[in-house]
Amino acid sequence: MSGPRPVRAARGTELTCLGWPQEAALRMLMNNLDPEVAERPDDLVVYGGSGRAARSWEAFDALV
């Protein structure tokens, strides 16, 4: 799946990764793109300025 879309981190105790360290990193990345948190989530901008969670949606998909 490529292109802008709503991203929300998993909640609860069910793992989607190998372990909690990996799960924590994934959830932090995804939470930064949550429409309730991110400045411009469709552009992957998570806070003021030009900081991005990933270079592109394709790069985000490769990370996740």
N, C-alpha and C. Protein backbone atom coordinates (compact mmCIF):
# COMPACT_ATOMS: atom_id res chain seq x y z
N MET A 1 0.86 -1.18 0.00
CA MET A 1 0.00 0.00 0.00
C MET A 1 0.91 1.23 0.00
N SER A 2 0.70 2.10 -0.94
CA SER A 2 1.53 3.28 -1.04
C SER A 2 0.66 4.53 -1.11
N GLY A 3 1.18 5.62 -0.59
CA GLY A 3 0.44 6.87 -0.63
C GLY A 3 -0.15 7.23 0.72
N PRO A 4 -0.59 8.48 0.84
CA PRO A 4 -1.13 8.96 2.12
C PRO A 4 -2.32 8.13 2.60
N ARG A 5 -2.34 7.91 3.90
CA ARG A 5 -3.43 7.18 4.55
C ARG A 5 -3.33 7.40 6.05
N PRO A 6 -4.41 7.21 6.77
CA PRO A 6 -4.34 7.35 8.23
C PRO A 6 -3.46 6.25 8.82
N VAL A 7 -2.59 6.63 9.74
CA VAL A 7 -1.71 5.68 10.43
C VAL A 7 -1.97 5.81 11.92
N ARG A 8 -2.23 4.70 12.57
CA ARG A 8 -2.43 4.70 14.01
C ARG A 8 -1.65 3.53 14.61
N ALA A 9 -0.99 3.79 15.72
CA ALA A 9 -0.23 2.75 16.39
C ALA A 9 -1.17 1.75 17.06
N ALA A 10 -0.70 0.51 17.14
CA ALA A 10 -1.45 -0.51 17.86
C ALA A 10 -1.49 -0.14 19.34
N ARG A 11 -2.51 -0.60 20.02
CA ARG A 11 -2.63 -0.38 21.45
C ARG A 11 -2.83 -1.72 22.13
N GLY A 12 -2.49 -1.78 23.38
CA GLY A 12 -2.68 -3.02 24.12
C GLY A 12 -1.39 -3.82 24.23
N THR A 13 -1.52 -5.08 24.58
CA THR A 13 -0.35 -5.91 24.86
C THR A 13 -0.04 -6.93 23.77
N GLU A 14 -0.79 -6.93 22.69
CA GLU A 14 -0.52 -7.88 21.60
C GLU A 14 0.62 -7.37 20.74
N LEU A 15 1.62 -8.22 20.53
CA LEU A 15 2.78 -7.86 19.72
C LEU A 15 2.52 -8.08 18.24
N THR A 16 3.05 -7.17 17.42
CA THR A 16 3.05 -7.34 15.98
C THR A 16 4.48 -7.50 15.46
N CYS A 17 5.46 -7.42 16.37
CA CYS A 17 6.88 -7.55 16.05
C CYS A 17 7.47 -8.73 16.82
N LEU A 18 8.79 -8.94 16.67
CA LEU A 18 9.45 -10.04 17.36
C LEU A 18 9.49 -9.88 18.87
N GLY A 19 9.62 -8.64 19.34
CA GLY A 19 9.72 -8.39 20.78
C GLY A 19 9.32 -6.97 21.10
N TRP A 20 9.32 -6.65 22.40
CA TRP A 20 8.88 -5.32 22.82
C TRP A 20 9.81 -4.19 22.39
N PRO A 21 11.13 -4.38 22.32
CA PRO A 21 11.96 -3.27 21.82
C PRO A 21 11.59 -2.87 20.38
N GLN A 22 11.36 -3.86 19.53
CA GLN A 22 10.97 -3.58 18.15
C GLN A 22 9.56 -2.99 18.10
N GLU A 23 8.67 -3.53 18.91
CA GLU A 23 7.29 -3.05 18.96
C GLU A 23 7.25 -1.59 19.40
N ALA A 24 8.09 -1.24 20.38
CA ALA A 24 8.13 0.14 20.88
C ALA A 24 8.55 1.10 19.77
N ALA A 25 9.59 0.74 19.01
CA ALA A 25 10.05 1.60 17.92
C ALA A 25 8.96 1.76 16.86
N LEU A 26 8.29 0.67 16.50
CA LEU A 26 7.22 0.73 15.50
C LEU A 26 6.07 1.59 15.99
N ARG A 27 5.67 1.40 17.24
CA ARG A 27 4.54 2.18 17.77
C ARG A 27 4.88 3.66 17.86
N MET A 28 6.12 3.99 18.22
CA MET A 28 6.51 5.41 18.27
C MET A 28 6.46 6.03 16.89
N LEU A 29 6.97 5.32 15.88
CA LEU A 29 6.92 5.82 14.51
C LEU A 29 5.48 6.03 14.06
N MET A 30 4.65 5.03 14.28
CA MET A 30 3.26 5.11 13.83
C MET A 30 2.47 6.15 14.62
N ASN A 31 2.74 6.27 15.92
CA ASN A 31 2.04 7.27 16.72
C ASN A 31 2.38 8.68 16.25
N ASN A 32 3.61 8.90 15.79
CA ASN A 32 4.00 10.22 15.28
C ASN A 32 3.23 10.60 14.03
N LEU A 33 2.68 9.63 13.32
CA LEU A 33 1.91 9.92 12.11
C LEU A 33 0.41 9.88 12.34
N ASP A 34 0.00 9.67 13.58
CA ASP A 34 -1.43 9.68 13.92
C ASP A 34 -2.00 11.05 13.60
N PRO A 35 -3.12 11.14 12.89
CA PRO A 35 -3.71 12.43 12.53
C PRO A 35 -3.97 13.34 13.73
N GLU A 36 -4.14 12.77 14.92
CA GLU A 36 -4.36 13.58 16.12
C GLU A 36 -3.07 14.18 16.65
N VAL A 37 -1.92 13.70 16.19
CA VAL A 37 -0.62 14.12 16.72
C VAL A 37 0.22 14.87 15.67
N ALA A 38 0.28 14.33 14.47
CA ALA A 38 1.16 14.87 13.43
C ALA A 38 0.69 16.23 12.93
N GLU A 39 1.64 17.04 12.50
CA GLU A 39 1.31 18.36 11.95
C GLU A 39 0.68 18.22 10.56
N ARG A 40 1.35 17.47 9.69
CA ARG A 40 0.82 17.21 8.34
C ARG A 40 1.06 15.73 8.02
N PRO A 41 0.23 14.85 8.55
CA PRO A 41 0.49 13.41 8.39
C PRO A 41 0.53 12.93 6.95
N ASP A 42 -0.25 13.52 6.05
CA ASP A 42 -0.23 13.09 4.65
C ASP A 42 1.12 13.34 4.00
N ASP A 43 1.85 14.35 4.51
CA ASP A 43 3.18 14.68 4.00
C ASP A 43 4.29 14.08 4.85
N LEU A 44 3.91 13.23 5.83
CA LEU A 44 4.84 12.58 6.75
C LEU A 44 5.53 13.57 7.69
N VAL A 45 5.03 14.81 7.78
CA VAL A 45 5.61 15.82 8.67
C VAL A 45 5.01 15.62 10.05
N VAL A 46 5.87 15.39 11.03
CA VAL A 46 5.39 15.05 12.36
C VAL A 46 5.47 16.20 13.35
N TYR A 47 6.24 17.24 13.05
CA TYR A 47 6.34 18.39 13.94
C TYR A 47 6.77 19.59 13.12
N GLY A 48 6.81 20.75 13.75
CA GLY A 48 7.16 21.99 13.04
C GLY A 48 8.45 21.88 12.25
N GLY A 49 8.53 22.61 11.19
CA GLY A 49 9.71 22.58 10.34
C GLY A 49 9.55 21.55 9.23
N SER A 50 10.66 20.97 8.82
CA SER A 50 10.60 20.01 7.71
C SER A 50 10.92 18.59 8.16
N GLY A 51 10.90 18.34 9.47
CA GLY A 51 11.17 16.99 9.96
C GLY A 51 10.12 16.01 9.49
N ARG A 52 10.58 14.87 9.03
CA ARG A 52 9.66 13.86 8.52
C ARG A 52 9.93 12.52 9.19
N ALA A 53 8.89 11.72 9.27
CA ALA A 53 9.02 10.37 9.82
C ALA A 53 9.70 9.44 8.82
N ALA A 54 9.54 9.72 7.53
CA ALA A 54 10.17 8.94 6.45
C ALA A 54 10.28 9.85 5.23
N ARG A 55 11.13 9.49 4.30
CA ARG A 55 11.32 10.33 3.10
C ARG A 55 10.11 10.33 2.18
N SER A 56 9.42 9.20 2.14
CA SER A 56 8.25 9.05 1.27
C SER A 56 7.37 7.95 1.84
N TRP A 57 6.18 7.80 1.28
CA TRP A 57 5.31 6.72 1.73
C TRP A 57 5.91 5.36 1.36
N GLU A 58 6.63 5.29 0.26
CA GLU A 58 7.30 4.05 -0.11
C GLU A 58 8.37 3.69 0.92
N ALA A 59 9.12 4.70 1.39
CA ALA A 59 10.12 4.47 2.43
C ALA A 59 9.46 4.05 3.74
N PHE A 60 8.34 4.68 4.08
CA PHE A 60 7.60 4.29 5.28
C PHE A 60 7.17 2.82 5.19
N ASP A 61 6.64 2.44 4.03
CA ASP A 61 6.20 1.05 3.84
C ASP A 61 7.38 0.08 3.97
N ALA A 62 8.55 0.47 3.49
CA ALA A 62 9.72 -0.39 3.60
C ALA A 62 10.15 -0.54 5.06
N LEU A 63 10.02 0.53 5.85
CA LEU A 63 10.36 0.46 7.27
C LEU A 63 9.40 -0.43 8.03
N VAL A 64 8.14 -0.28 7.71
CA VAL A 64 7.10 -0.99 8.46
C VAL A 64 6.92 -2.37 7.88
